[in-house]
Structure formats: C-alpha cells, structure tokens
Amino acid sequence: MAKSTYIRLIPESSAPGDASAAYAEWFASNPGRPAVPDILKCFAHRPDFFRDVVAFSDRLHFCDGHLTYRIKEMLATLVSALNQCRY
C-alpha cells in the first residue's frame, strides 16, 4: 500500500504558471522520464526552491566525485529499502 504525503503534490497536468515551467525545465534535462518524481513534486509549491533542489541534487548526487554515480545510486537504493521508502 502506498503511503500518502502530508504535503499536497502538484501533478504535472495541473501545475500552475511557474511550477509548470519548472516541471518543463526538469523534463527538458531528463529526456525519457515519464514523470517528475513525487519526491520533487512536493517542492513545486515554491518553483524557485524546486529549481534549487534539482540543481543541488544534480551537482551532488548525479555526478561522479569521491564516489561514482553508480555507488551513490546503490547506497540510495539500500537506504530507501531499509526505510521502507519507495524513493
């Protein structure tokens, strides 16, 4: 059973104004992805912060550094599984 969130998520289909533009920017930089992840949708109430979170995540997580991208993804998957989180 999927857990609900305390923060209302804004669906792509009904995102207003700047939230819709922020989603469009995300889709442009993530070709082939069918939807904005729910973990990001909670930030769409503040499109400026949504963009900041995406930029921070891209710089920190979605790049190689001390750990490779692959290792970071494996760690994130393990932590999510241990926390029973679908993200």
PDB file of N, CA and C in Angstrom:
ATOM      1  N   MET A   1       0.844  -1.177   0.000  1.00  0.00           N
ATOM      2  CA  MET A   1       0.000   0.000   0.000  1.00  0.00           C
ATOM      3  C   MET A   1       0.893   1.245   0.000  1.00  0.00           C
ATOM      4  N   ALA A   2       0.627   2.137  -0.922  1.00  0.00           N
ATOM      5  CA  ALA A   2       1.391   3.382  -0.999  1.00  0.00           C
ATOM      6  C   ALA A   2       1.000   4.316   0.138  1.00  0.00           C
ATOM      7  N   LYS A   3       1.996   4.941   0.709  1.00  0.00           N
ATOM      8  CA  LYS A   3       1.739   5.900   1.781  1.00  0.00           C
ATOM      9  C   LYS A   3       1.422   7.259   1.178  1.00  0.00           C
ATOM     10  N   SER A   4       0.560   7.999   1.826  1.00  0.00           N
ATOM     11  CA  SER A   4       0.248   9.336   1.350  1.00  0.00           C
ATOM     12  C   SER A   4       1.239  10.321   1.952  1.00  0.00           C
ATOM     13  N   THR A   5       1.296  11.495   1.364  1.00  0.00           N
ATOM     14  CA  THR A   5       2.198  12.532   1.867  1.00  0.00           C
ATOM     15  C   THR A   5       1.392  13.568   2.640  1.00  0.00           C
ATOM     16  N   TYR A   6       2.069  14.294   3.495  1.00  0.00           N
ATOM     17  CA  TYR A   6       1.436  15.386   4.227  1.00  0.00           C
ATOM     18  C   TYR A   6       1.370  16.646   3.368  1.00  0.00           C
ATOM     19  N   ILE A   7       2.260  16.725   2.407  1.00  0.00           N
ATOM     20  CA  ILE A   7       2.300  17.878   1.505  1.00  0.00           C
ATOM     21  C   ILE A   7       1.562  17.506   0.229  1.00  0.00           C
ATOM     22  N   ARG A   8       0.651  18.352  -0.190  1.00  0.00           N
ATOM     23  CA  ARG A   8      -0.095  18.094  -1.431  1.00  0.00           C
ATOM     24  C   ARG A   8       0.867  18.190  -2.611  1.00  0.00           C
ATOM     25  N   LEU A   9       0.936  17.122  -3.389  1.00  0.00           N
ATOM     26  CA  LEU A   9       1.793  17.112  -4.566  1.00  0.00           C
ATOM     27  C   LEU A   9       1.061  17.747  -5.734  1.00  0.00           C
ATOM     28  N   ILE A  10       1.791  18.469  -6.554  1.00  0.00           N
ATOM     29  CA  ILE A  10       1.195  19.136  -7.710  1.00  0.00           C
ATOM     30  C   ILE A  10       1.454  18.283  -8.948  1.00  0.00           C
ATOM     31  N   PRO A  11       0.383  17.699  -9.526  1.00  0.00           N
ATOM     32  CA  PRO A  11       0.557  16.884 -10.729  1.00  0.00           C
ATOM     33  C   PRO A  11       1.035  17.745 -11.909  1.00  0.00           C
ATOM     34  N   GLU A  12       1.787  17.127 -12.792  1.00  0.00           N
ATOM     35  CA  GLU A  12       2.276  17.848 -13.964  1.00  0.00           C
ATOM     36  C   GLU A  12       1.123  18.455 -14.779  1.00  0.00           C
ATOM     37  N   SER A  13       0.031  17.704 -14.880  1.00  0.00           N
ATOM     38  CA  SER A  13      -1.089  18.130 -15.722  1.00  0.00           C
ATOM     39  C   SER A  13      -1.832  19.351 -15.190  1.00  0.00           C
ATOM     40  N   SER A  14      -1.693  19.635 -13.895  1.00  0.00           N
ATOM     41  CA  SER A  14      -2.415  20.784 -13.345  1.00  0.00           C
ATOM     42  C   SER A  14      -1.493  21.797 -12.665  1.00  0.00           C
ATOM     43  N   ALA A  15      -0.208  21.718 -12.955  1.00  0.00           N
ATOM     44  CA  ALA A  15       0.741  22.654 -12.349  1.00  0.00           C
ATOM     45  C   ALA A  15       0.502  24.056 -12.899  1.00  0.00           C
ATOM     46  N   PRO A  16       0.368  25.043 -12.026  1.00  0.00           N
ATOM     47  CA  PRO A  16       0.131  26.404 -12.484  1.00  0.00           C
ATOM     48  C   PRO A  16       1.432  27.123 -12.855  1.00  0.00           C
ATOM     49  N   GLY A  17       1.337  28.070 -13.773  1.00  0.00           N
ATOM     50  CA  GLY A  17       2.388  29.021 -14.111  1.00  0.00           C
ATOM     51  C   GLY A  17       3.819  28.572 -13.977  1.00  0.00           C
ATOM     52  N   ASP A  18       4.531  29.129 -12.998  1.00  0.00           N
ATOM     53  CA  ASP A  18       5.953  28.886 -12.852  1.00  0.00           C
ATOM     54  C   ASP A  18       6.250  27.453 -12.436  1.00  0.00           C
ATOM     55  N   ALA A  19       5.335  26.803 -11.727  1.00  0.00           N
ATOM     56  CA  ALA A  19       5.530  25.388 -11.386  1.00  0.00           C
ATOM     57  C   ALA A  19       5.524  24.554 -12.662  1.00  0.00           C
ATOM     58  N   SER A  20       4.623  24.868 -13.574  1.00  0.00           N
ATOM     59  CA  SER A  20       4.581  24.180 -14.858  1.00  0.00           C
ATOM     60  C   SER A  20       5.877  24.411 -15.635  1.00  0.00           C
ATOM     61  N   ALA A  21       6.376  25.632 -15.600  1.00  0.00           N
ATOM     62  CA  ALA A  21       7.640  25.947 -16.281  1.00  0.00           C
ATOM     63  C   ALA A  21       8.805  25.188 -15.646  1.00  0.00           C
ATOM     64  N   ALA A  22       8.827  25.087 -14.316  1.00  0.00           N
ATOM     65  CA  ALA A  22       9.892  24.349 -13.621  1.00  0.00           C
ATOM     66  C   ALA A  22       9.833  22.870 -13.993  1.00  0.00           C
ATOM     67  N   TYR A  23       8.620  22.317 -14.071  1.00  0.00           N
ATOM     68  CA  TYR A  23       8.475  20.926 -14.499  1.00  0.00           C
ATOM     69  C   TYR A  23       8.982  20.769 -15.929  1.00  0.00           C
ATOM     70  N   ALA A  24       8.644  21.691 -16.805  1.00  0.00           N
ATOM     71  CA  ALA A  24       9.093  21.614 -18.202  1.00  0.00           C
ATOM     72  C   ALA A  24      10.619  21.639 -18.283  1.00  0.00           C
ATOM     73  N   GLU A  25      11.252  22.464 -17.458  1.00  0.00           N
ATOM     74  CA  GLU A  25      12.720  22.512 -17.422  1.00  0.00           C
ATOM     75  C   GLU A  25      13.281  21.169 -16.964  1.00  0.00           C
ATOM     76  N   TRP A  26      12.633  20.571 -15.955  1.00  0.00           N
ATOM     77  CA  TRP A  26      13.092  19.277 -15.456  1.00  0.00           C
ATOM     78  C   TRP A  26      12.983  18.221 -16.561  1.00  0.00           C
ATOM     79  N   PHE A  27      11.831  18.195 -17.256  1.00  0.00           N
ATOM     80  CA  PHE A  27      11.660  17.231 -18.352  1.00  0.00           C
ATOM     81  C   PHE A  27      12.690  17.451 -19.445  1.00  0.00           C
ATOM     82  N   ALA A  28      13.015  18.697 -19.750  1.00  0.00           N
ATOM     83  CA  ALA A  28      13.998  19.002 -20.803  1.00  0.00           C
ATOM     84  C   ALA A  28      15.383  18.462 -20.449  1.00  0.00           C
ATOM     85  N   SER A  29      15.708  18.465 -19.161  1.00  0.00           N
ATOM     86  CA  SER A  29      17.025  17.970 -18.757  1.00  0.00           C
ATOM     87  C   SER A  29      17.003  16.486 -18.358  1.00  0.00           C
ATOM     88  N   ASN A  30      15.837  15.852 -18.438  1.00  0.00           N
ATOM     89  CA  ASN A  30      15.695  14.430 -18.108  1.00  0.00           C
ATOM     90  C   ASN A  30      14.889  13.718 -19.185  1.00  0.00           C
ATOM     91  N   PRO A  31      15.408  13.706 -20.416  1.00  0.00           N
ATOM     92  CA  PRO A  31      14.637  13.114 -21.519  1.00  0.00           C
ATOM     93  C   PRO A  31      14.332  11.639 -21.263  1.00  0.00           C
ATOM     94  N   GLY A  32      13.142  11.254 -21.651  1.00  0.00           N
ATOM     95  CA  GLY A  32      12.725   9.868 -21.496  1.00  0.00           C
ATOM     96  C   GLY A  32      12.064   9.544 -20.170  1.00  0.00           C
ATOM     97  N   ARG A  33      12.154  10.451 -19.212  1.00  0.00           N
ATOM     98  CA  ARG A  33      11.500  10.201 -17.926  1.00  0.00           C
ATOM     99  C   ARG A  33      10.007  10.471 -18.092  1.00  0.00           C
ATOM    100  N   PRO A  34       9.152   9.561 -17.647  1.00  0.00           N
ATOM    101  CA  PRO A  34       7.708   9.722 -17.868  1.00  0.00           C
ATOM    102  C   PRO A  34       7.034  10.711 -16.918  1.00  0.00           C
ATOM    103  N   ALA A  35       7.654  10.970 -15.761  1.00  0.00           N
ATOM    104  CA  ALA A  35       7.016  11.844 -14.773  1.00  0.00           C
ATOM    105  C   ALA A  35       8.075  12.432 -13.844  1.00  0.00           C
ATOM    106  N   VAL A  36       7.744  13.580 -13.275  1.00  0.00           N
ATOM    107  CA  VAL A  36       8.592  14.179 -12.246  1.00  0.00           C
ATOM    108  C   VAL A  36       8.439  13.301 -10.996  1.00  0.00           C
ATOM    109  N   PRO A  37       9.530  12.889 -10.367  1.00  0.00           N
ATOM    110  CA  PRO A  37       9.403  12.062  -9.163  1.00  0.00           C
ATOM    111  C   PRO A  37       8.621  12.788  -8.065  1.00  0.00           C
ATOM    112  N   ASP A  38       7.804  12.029  -7.348  1.00  0.00           N
ATOM    113  CA  ASP A  38       6.996  12.617  -6.269  1.00  0.00           C
ATOM    114  C   ASP A  38       7.852  13.338  -5.240  1.00  0.00           C
ATOM    115  N   ILE A  39       9.055  12.821  -4.996  1.00  0.00           N
ATOM    116  CA  ILE A  39       9.919  13.448  -4.003  1.00  0.00           C
ATOM    117  C   ILE A  39      10.283  14.884  -4.399  1.00  0.00           C
ATOM    118  N   LEU A  40      10.217  15.195  -5.692  1.00  0.00           N
ATOM    119  CA  LEU A  40      10.458  16.568  -6.156  1.00  0.00           C
ATOM    120  C   LEU A  40       9.167  17.379  -6.226  1.00  0.00           C
ATOM    121  N   LYS A  41       8.055  16.717  -6.500  1.00  0.00           N
ATOM    122  CA  LYS A  41       6.784  17.434  -6.642  1.00  0.00           C
ATOM    123  C   LYS A  41       6.391  18.201  -5.388  1.00  0.00           C
ATOM    124  N   CYS A  42       6.839  17.733  -4.236  1.00  0.00           N
ATOM    125  CA  CYS A  42       6.478  18.436  -3.004  1.00  0.00           C
ATOM    126  C   CYS A  42       7.097  19.831  -2.954  1.00  0.00           C
ATOM    127  N   PHE A  43       8.119  20.091  -3.765  1.00  0.00           N
ATOM    128  CA  PHE A  43       8.756  21.407  -3.801  1.00  0.00           C
ATOM    129  C   PHE A  43       8.131  22.340  -4.829  1.00  0.00           C
ATOM    130  N   ALA A  44       7.190  21.855  -5.615  1.00  0.00           N
ATOM    131  CA  ALA A  44       6.622  22.647  -6.704  1.00  0.00           C
ATOM    132  C   ALA A  44       5.777  23.815  -6.219  1.00  0.00           C
ATOM    133  N   HIS A  45       5.412  23.816  -4.942  1.00  0.00           N
ATOM    134  CA  HIS A  45       4.694  24.971  -4.390  1.00  0.00           C
ATOM    135  C   HIS A  45       5.599  26.204  -4.394  1.00  0.00           C
ATOM    136  N   ARG A  46       6.897  25.972  -4.398  1.00  0.00           N
ATOM    137  CA  ARG A  46       7.910  27.030  -4.487  1.00  0.00           C
ATOM    138  C   ARG A  46       8.824  26.692  -5.664  1.00  0.00           C
ATOM    139  N   PRO A  47       8.418  27.055  -6.891  1.00  0.00           N
ATOM    140  CA  PRO A  47       9.209  26.684  -8.064  1.00  0.00           C
ATOM    141  C   PRO A  47      10.673  27.123  -7.986  1.00  0.00           C
ATOM    142  N   ASP A  48      10.944  28.248  -7.324  1.00  0.00           N
ATOM    143  CA  ASP A  48      12.337  28.679  -7.174  1.00  0.00           C
ATOM    144  C   ASP A  48      13.117  27.669  -6.339  1.00  0.00           C
ATOM    145  N   PHE A  49      12.506  27.166  -5.276  1.00  0.00           N
ATOM    146  CA  PHE A  49      13.165  26.172  -4.431  1.00  0.00           C
ATOM    147  C   PHE A  49      13.259  24.833  -5.149  1.00  0.00           C
ATOM    148  N   PHE A  50      12.221  24.475  -5.910  1.00  0.00           N
ATOM    149  CA  PHE A  50      12.251  23.260  -6.744  1.00  0.00           C
ATOM    150  C   PHE A  50      13.493  23.281  -7.615  1.00  0.00           C
ATOM    151  N   ARG A  51      13.736  24.409  -8.279  1.00  0.00           N
ATOM    152  CA  ARG A  51      14.917  24.531  -9.155  1.00  0.00           C
ATOM    153  C   ARG A  51      16.213  24.419  -8.350  1.00  0.00           C
ATOM    154  N   ASP A  52      16.238  25.021  -7.166  1.00  0.00           N
ATOM    155  CA  ASP A  52      17.428  24.933  -6.310  1.00  0.00           C
ATOM    156  C   ASP A  52      17.703  23.488  -5.891  1.00  0.00           C
ATOM    157  N   VAL A  53      16.659  22.753  -5.511  1.00  0.00           N
ATOM    158  CA  VAL A  53      16.816  21.361  -5.089  1.00  0.00           C
ATOM    159  C   VAL A  53      17.321  20.509  -6.251  1.00  0.00           C
ATOM    160  N   VAL A  54      16.745  20.716  -7.429  1.00  0.00           N
ATOM    161  CA  VAL A  54      17.173  19.954  -8.607  1.00  0.00           C
ATOM    162  C   VAL A  54      18.640  20.267  -8.929  1.00  0.00           C
ATOM    163  N   ALA A  55      19.016  21.537  -8.908  1.00  0.00           N
ATOM    164  CA  ALA A  55      20.400  21.925  -9.202  1.00  0.00           C
ATOM    165  C   ALA A  55      21.361  21.342  -8.168  1.00  0.00           C
ATOM    166  N   PHE A  56      20.990  21.403  -6.897  1.00  0.00           N
ATOM    167  CA  PHE A  56      21.830  20.855  -5.831  1.00  0.00           C
ATOM    168  C   PHE A  56      21.989  19.345  -6.003  1.00  0.00           C
ATOM    169  N   SER A  57      20.884  18.678  -6.276  1.00  0.00           N
ATOM    170  CA  SER A  57      20.912  17.234  -6.459  1.00  0.00           C
ATOM    171  C   SER A  57      21.781  16.855  -7.658  1.00  0.00           C
ATOM    172  N   ASP A  58      21.661  17.605  -8.742  1.00  0.00           N
ATOM    173  CA  ASP A  58      22.480  17.333  -9.926  1.00  0.00           C
ATOM    174  C   ASP A  58      23.962  17.477  -9.605  1.00  0.00           C
ATOM    175  N   ARG A  59      24.321  18.526  -8.856  1.00  0.00           N
ATOM    176  CA  ARG A  59      25.734  18.758  -8.511  1.00  0.00           C
ATOM    177  C   ARG A  59      26.262  17.735  -7.513  1.00  0.00           C
ATOM    178  N   LEU A  60      25.424  17.320  -6.580  1.00  0.00           N
ATOM    179  CA  LEU A  60      25.880  16.449  -5.511  1.00  0.00           C
ATOM    180  C   LEU A  60      25.739  14.969  -5.843  1.00  0.00           C
ATOM    181  N   HIS A  61      24.572  14.597  -6.305  1.00  0.00           N
ATOM    182  CA  HIS A  61      24.264  13.174  -6.455  1.00  0.00           C
ATOM    183  C   HIS A  61      24.503  12.655  -7.866  1.00  0.00           C
ATOM    184  N   PHE A  62      24.060  13.390  -8.843  1.00  0.00           N
ATOM    185  CA  PHE A  62      24.084  12.879 -10.210  1.00  0.00           C
ATOM    186  C   PHE A  62      25.370  13.239 -10.940  1.00  0.00           C
ATOM    187  N   CYS A  63      26.477  12.977 -10.270  1.00  0.00           N
ATOM    188  CA  CYS A  63      27.789  13.202 -10.865  1.00  0.00           C
ATOM    189  C   CYS A  63      28.778  12.282 -10.162  1.00  0.00           C
ATOM    190  N   ASP A  64      29.922  12.084 -10.795  1.00  0.00           N
ATOM    191  CA  ASP A  64      30.978  11.326 -10.144  1.00  0.00           C
ATOM    192  C   ASP A  64      31.786  12.268  -9.275  1.00  0.00           C
ATOM    193  N   GLY A  65      32.264  11.776  -8.191  1.00  0.00           N
ATOM    194  CA  GLY A  65      33.101  12.531  -7.272  1.00  0.00           C
ATOM    195  C   GLY A  65      33.942  11.521  -6.524  1.00  0.00           C
ATOM    196  N   HIS A  66      34.008  11.635  -5.213  1.00  0.00           N
ATOM    197  CA  HIS A  66      34.722  10.639  -4.416  1.00  0.00           C
ATOM    198  C   HIS A  66      34.100   9.263  -4.649  1.00  0.00           C
ATOM    199  N   LEU A  67      32.748   9.234  -4.725  1.00  0.00           N
ATOM    200  CA  LEU A  67      32.022   8.010  -5.061  1.00  0.00           C
ATOM    201  C   LEU A  67      31.461   8.163  -6.464  1.00  0.00           C
ATOM    202  N   THR A  68      31.382   7.070  -7.188  1.00  0.00           N
ATOM    203  CA  THR A  68      30.795   7.132  -8.526  1.00  0.00           C
ATOM    204  C   THR A  68      29.280   7.268  -8.419  1.00  0.00           C
ATOM    205  N   TYR A  69      28.689   7.697  -9.503  1.00  0.00           N
ATOM    206  CA  TYR A  69      27.226   7.801  -9.576  1.00  0.00           C
ATOM    207  C   TYR A  69      26.591   6.449  -9.258  1.00  0.00           C
ATOM    208  N   ARG A  70      27.163   5.390  -9.798  1.00  0.00           N
ATOM    209  CA  ARG A  70      26.613   4.047  -9.581  1.00  0.00           C
ATOM    210  C   ARG A  70      26.612   3.681  -8.091  1.00  0.00           C
ATOM    211  N   ILE A  71      27.710   3.925  -7.397  1.00  0.00           N
ATOM    212  CA  ILE A  71      27.783   3.623  -5.958  1.00  0.00           C
ATOM    213  C   ILE A  71      26.764   4.454  -5.187  1.00  0.00           C
ATOM    214  N   LYS A  72      26.628   5.748  -5.556  1.00  0.00           N
ATOM    215  CA  LYS A  72      25.642   6.608  -4.880  1.00  0.00           C
ATOM    216  C   LYS A  72      24.233   6.063  -5.062  1.00  0.00           C
ATOM    217  N   GLU A  73      23.908   5.591  -6.265  1.00  0.00           N
ATOM    218  CA  GLU A  73      22.584   5.030  -6.530  1.00  0.00           C
ATOM    219  C   GLU A  73      22.366   3.753  -5.713  1.00  0.00           C
ATOM    220  N   MET A  74      23.400   2.911  -5.616  1.00  0.00           N
ATOM    221  CA  MET A  74      23.265   1.685  -4.826  1.00  0.00           C
ATOM    222  C   MET A  74      23.042   2.016  -3.352  1.00  0.00           C
ATOM    223  N   LEU A  75      23.766   2.988  -2.828  1.00  0.00           N
ATOM    224  CA  LEU A  75      23.577   3.396  -1.431  1.00  0.00           C
ATOM    225  C   LEU A  75      22.183   3.973  -1.211  1.00  0.00           C
ATOM    226  N   ALA A  76      21.730   4.809  -2.132  1.00  0.00           N
ATOM    227  CA  ALA A  76      20.390   5.398  -2.013  1.00  0.00           C
ATOM    228  C   ALA A  76      19.314   4.315  -2.048  1.00  0.00           C
ATOM    229  N   THR A  77      19.499   3.322  -2.913  1.00  0.00           N
ATOM    230  CA  THR A  77      18.538   2.222  -3.000  1.00  0.00           C
ATOM    231  C   THR A  77      18.506   1.424  -1.705  1.00  0.00           C
ATOM    232  N   LEU A  78      19.674   1.133  -1.154  1.00  0.00           N
ATOM    233  CA  LEU A  78      19.745   0.400   0.104  1.00  0.00           C
ATOM    234  C   LEU A  78      19.079   1.174   1.244  1.00  0.00           C
ATOM    235  N   VAL A  79      19.385   2.448   1.372  1.00  0.00           N
ATOM    236  CA  VAL A  79      18.798   3.256   2.440  1.00  0.00           C
ATOM    237  C   VAL A  79      17.280   3.341   2.282  1.00  0.00           C
ATOM    238  N   SER A  80      16.812   3.522   1.051  1.00  0.00           N
ATOM    239  CA  SER A  80      15.364   3.565   0.812  1.00  0.00           C
ATOM    240  C   SER A  80      14.706   2.253   1.204  1.00  0.00           C
ATOM    241  N   ALA A  81      15.334   1.137   0.849  1.00  0.00           N
ATOM    242  CA  ALA A  81      14.768  -0.170   1.200  1.00  0.00           C
ATOM    243  C   ALA A  81      14.739  -0.355   2.719  1.00  0.00           C
ATOM    244  N   LEU A  82      15.813   0.020   3.388  1.00  0.00           N
ATOM    245  CA  LEU A  82      15.853  -0.110   4.853  1.00  0.00           C
ATOM    246  C   LEU A  82      14.792   0.759   5.529  1.00  0.00           C
ATOM    247  N   ASN A  83      14.506   1.915   4.929  1.00  0.00           N
ATOM    248  CA  ASN A  83      13.493   2.825   5.476  1.00  0.00           C
ATOM    249  C   ASN A  83      12.090   2.529   4.958  1.00  0.00           C
ATOM    250  N   GLN A  84      11.955   1.487   4.155  1.00  0.00           N
ATOM    251  CA  GLN A  84      10.687   1.126   3.526  1.00  0.00           C
ATOM    252  C   GLN A  84      10.100   2.299   2.771  1.00  0.00           C
ATOM    253  N   CYS A  85      10.968   3.001   2.051  1.00  0.00           N
ATOM    254  CA  CYS A  85      10.582   4.172   1.265  1.00  0.00           C
ATOM    255  C   CYS A  85      10.630   3.828  -0.211  1.00  0.00           C
ATOM    256  N   ARG A  86       9.609   4.181  -0.939  1.00  0.00           N
ATOM    257  CA  ARG A  86       9.587   3.830  -2.360  1.00  0.00           C
ATOM    258  C   ARG A  86      10.494   4.727  -3.197  1.00  0.00           C
ATOM    259  N   TYR A  87      11.134   5.710  -2.594  1.00  0.00           N
ATOM    260  CA  TYR A  87      12.062   6.549  -3.347  1.00  0.00           C
ATOM    261  C   TYR A  87      13.434   5.928  -3.299  1.00  0.00           C
TER     262      TYR A  87
END
